[in-house]
Protein backbone atom coordinates (compact mmCIF):
# COMPACT_ATOMS: atom_id res chain seq x y z
CA MET A 1 93.30 42.46 112.85
CA THR A 2 90.22 44.68 113.00
CA ILE A 3 89.34 48.16 111.90
CA VAL A 4 86.58 49.33 114.20
CA LYS A 5 85.89 52.83 112.92
CA ILE A 6 86.93 55.54 110.47
CA ASN A 7 86.40 59.18 111.47
CA LEU A 8 86.88 62.23 109.28
CA HIS A 9 87.96 65.55 110.76
CA LYS A 10 88.75 67.57 107.63
CA VAL A 11 87.19 67.74 104.17
CA ASN A 12 88.33 70.59 101.94
CA ALA A 13 87.78 71.27 98.24
CA GLU A 14 89.08 74.13 96.13
CA ARG A 15 88.44 74.93 92.50
CA ASN A 16 90.49 77.47 90.58
CA LEU A 17 87.92 79.51 88.64
CA ASN A 18 90.65 81.00 86.43
CA ALA A 19 92.03 77.64 85.25
CA LYS A 20 92.03 77.04 81.51
CA GLY A 21 90.17 74.08 79.99
CA GLY A 22 91.84 71.13 78.35
CA GLN A 23 93.17 67.76 79.37
CA VAL A 24 92.88 67.22 83.14
CA GLN A 25 95.13 64.83 85.05
CA ILE A 26 93.90 63.65 88.45
CA ASN A 27 96.47 62.43 90.99
CA ASN A 28 95.27 60.68 94.16
CA ASN A 29 97.55 60.09 97.14
CA VAL A 30 97.06 58.71 100.65
CA SER A 31 99.57 58.83 103.50
CA ILE A 32 99.76 58.00 107.19
CA LYS A 33 100.54 61.12 109.21
CA ASN A 34 100.67 59.72 112.73
CA VAL A 35 100.01 56.67 114.90
CA ASP A 36 98.75 57.09 118.48
CA GLU A 37 97.54 54.69 121.12
CA LEU A 38 93.80 54.37 121.48
CA GLY A 39 92.25 54.08 124.93
CA PHE A 40 90.49 50.75 124.76
CA GLY A 41 88.97 48.88 127.70
CA VAL A 42 88.99 45.23 126.62
CA GLU A 43 91.35 42.85 128.39
CA GLY A 44 94.12 41.46 126.18
CA ARG A 45 93.43 43.93 123.39
CA ARG A 46 94.69 47.39 122.59
CA GLY A 47 94.09 49.85 119.83
CA LEU A 48 95.85 52.34 117.61
CA LYS A 49 94.61 55.49 115.95
CA PHE A 50 96.15 55.98 112.47
CA THR A 51 95.77 59.56 111.24
CA PHE A 52 95.65 59.66 107.43
CA SER A 53 95.58 62.26 104.69
CA PHE A 54 93.94 61.68 101.29
CA ASN A 55 94.74 64.20 98.56
CA CYS A 56 93.29 64.54 95.10
CA ASN A 57 95.07 67.06 92.85
CA TYR A 58 93.67 68.19 89.50
CA GLU A 59 96.38 69.31 87.08
CA PRO A 60 97.04 71.75 85.53
CA ASP A 61 96.05 73.78 88.59
CA LEU A 62 92.30 73.14 88.27
CA GLY A 63 91.72 72.34 91.93
CA LYS A 64 92.28 69.97 94.82
CA ILE A 65 90.42 67.94 97.42
CA ASP A 66 91.88 67.10 100.83
CA VAL A 67 90.37 64.62 103.27
CA GLU A 68 91.88 63.84 106.67
CA GLY A 69 90.72 61.36 109.23
CA GLN A 70 91.55 58.57 111.60
CA VAL A 71 91.33 54.80 111.32
CA PHE A 72 90.82 52.99 114.65
CA TYR A 73 92.55 49.62 114.66
CA VAL A 74 92.32 46.94 117.39
CA ASP A 75 94.50 43.86 117.88
CA GLU A 76 96.33 41.83 120.53
CA GLU A 77 98.44 43.83 122.99
CA LYS A 78 101.79 42.46 121.75
CA LYS A 79 101.06 43.21 118.09
CA ILE A 80 99.89 46.74 118.93
CA ALA A 81 103.07 47.34 120.96
CA ASP A 82 105.22 46.09 118.03
CA ILE A 83 103.40 48.32 115.52
CA LYS A 84 103.78 51.36 117.80
CA LYS A 85 107.51 50.68 118.34
CA GLY A 86 108.09 50.30 114.58
CA TRP A 87 106.33 53.60 113.90
CA GLU A 88 108.26 55.47 116.59
CA LYS A 89 111.59 54.01 115.44
CA ASP A 90 111.47 54.53 111.65
CA LYS A 91 107.87 55.37 110.67
CA LYS A 92 107.24 51.83 109.36
CA ILE A 93 104.13 49.69 109.75
CA PRO A 94 103.93 45.93 109.00
CA MET A 95 102.64 45.32 105.46
CA ASP A 96 99.55 43.32 106.52
CA VAL A 97 98.39 46.17 108.79
CA MET A 98 99.42 48.89 106.32
CA GLU A 99 97.32 47.25 103.60
CA GLN A 100 94.19 47.34 105.77
CA ILE A 101 94.75 50.93 106.91
CA ILE A 102 95.55 52.27 103.43
CA ASN A 103 92.58 50.46 101.86
CA ALA A 104 90.20 51.84 104.51
CA SER A 105 91.66 55.34 104.03
CA LEU A 106 91.36 55.11 100.24
CA HIS A 107 87.79 53.87 100.48
CA LYS A 108 86.66 56.67 102.78
CA GLY A 109 88.73 59.32 100.98
CA ASN A 110 87.49 58.40 97.51
CA ILE A 111 83.84 58.35 98.59
CA GLN A 112 84.17 61.82 100.13
CA ALA A 113 86.11 63.12 97.11
CA ILE A 114 83.40 61.88 94.71
CA LYS A 115 80.71 63.58 96.81
CA ILE A 116 82.48 66.91 97.16
CA SER A 117 83.85 67.03 93.59
CA GLU A 118 80.31 67.36 92.31
CA GLU A 119 79.62 70.25 94.69
CA VAL A 120 82.55 72.33 93.37
CA SER A 121 82.20 71.25 89.71
CA LEU A 122 85.39 69.18 89.52
CA PRO A 123 85.53 65.91 87.59
CA SER A 124 85.03 62.74 89.62
CA PRO A 125 88.39 61.50 90.96
CA LEU A 126 87.44 57.97 89.88
CA PRO A 127 86.01 57.03 86.49
CA LEU A 128 82.32 56.26 86.89
CA PRO A 129 80.69 53.46 84.88
CA LYS A 130 78.89 54.40 81.67
CA VAL A 131 76.33 52.44 79.67
CA ARG A 132 76.97 51.92 75.96
CA SER A 133 75.10 49.96 73.32
CA GLY A 134 76.71 46.77 71.96
CA SER A 135 77.98 48.56 68.83
CA GLY A 136 80.03 51.05 70.82
CA GLN A 137 77.85 53.89 69.57
CA PRO A 138 75.83 56.01 71.98
CA VAL A 139 72.36 54.65 72.61
CA LYS A 140 69.75 56.53 70.57
CA GLU A 141 66.26 56.93 71.88
CA GLU A 142 63.53 56.99 69.29
CA PRO A 143 60.26 58.71 70.07
CA ALA A 144 57.31 56.37 70.45
CA LYS A 145 54.88 56.46 67.50
CA GLU A 146 51.20 56.60 68.17
CA GLY A 147 49.33 53.38 67.85
CA LYS A 148 52.37 51.04 67.78
CA THR A 149 52.07 50.03 71.41
CA GLU A 150 48.37 49.38 71.03
CA LYS A 151 48.94 47.17 67.96
CA ALA A 152 51.74 45.28 69.72
CA ALA A 153 49.46 44.67 72.71
CA GLU A 154 46.71 43.39 70.41
CA LYS A 155 49.11 40.96 68.66
CA THR A 156 50.36 39.64 72.00
CA ALA A 157 46.79 39.13 73.19
CA GLU A 158 45.96 37.25 69.95
CA LYS A 159 48.97 34.94 70.40
CA VAL A 160 47.93 34.17 73.98
CA GLU A 161 44.39 33.35 72.84
CA LYS A 162 45.66 30.99 70.08
CA LYS A 163 47.79 29.06 72.59
CA LYS A 164 44.75 28.42 74.79
């Protein structure tokens, strides 16, 4: 029902300085490592602590980023007990809960991976937006020519005066 907090306890980045250049493939993966009960003092509610691992691998052997953390999840006592039993029995979590936990893990993991990738000179694990002109060509900046801005300002002032 509710994710109350996401904690990180491991952030690791490695870059292979001997890797050759070329086409880089980035593979992101997130997995749930463990589910533990969370001591929670609200009547009728209990919590679970989902330990997750987010991995970002750069192929061919350029580097990797690993992020590990915990998602704290709170819900009604019966639902928490059912989730815990399902995990202990066959490592399964109900889809509605799994969706929330995985999305929270991906969100936190990707943000950390973007931050740390820059520090170790790896490409961003997610494509970042880029601005392009309408023609699809890169935007060209032309140097300002002396006097043009002054003439444009004078013409605008003249137009304003005529309208009065």
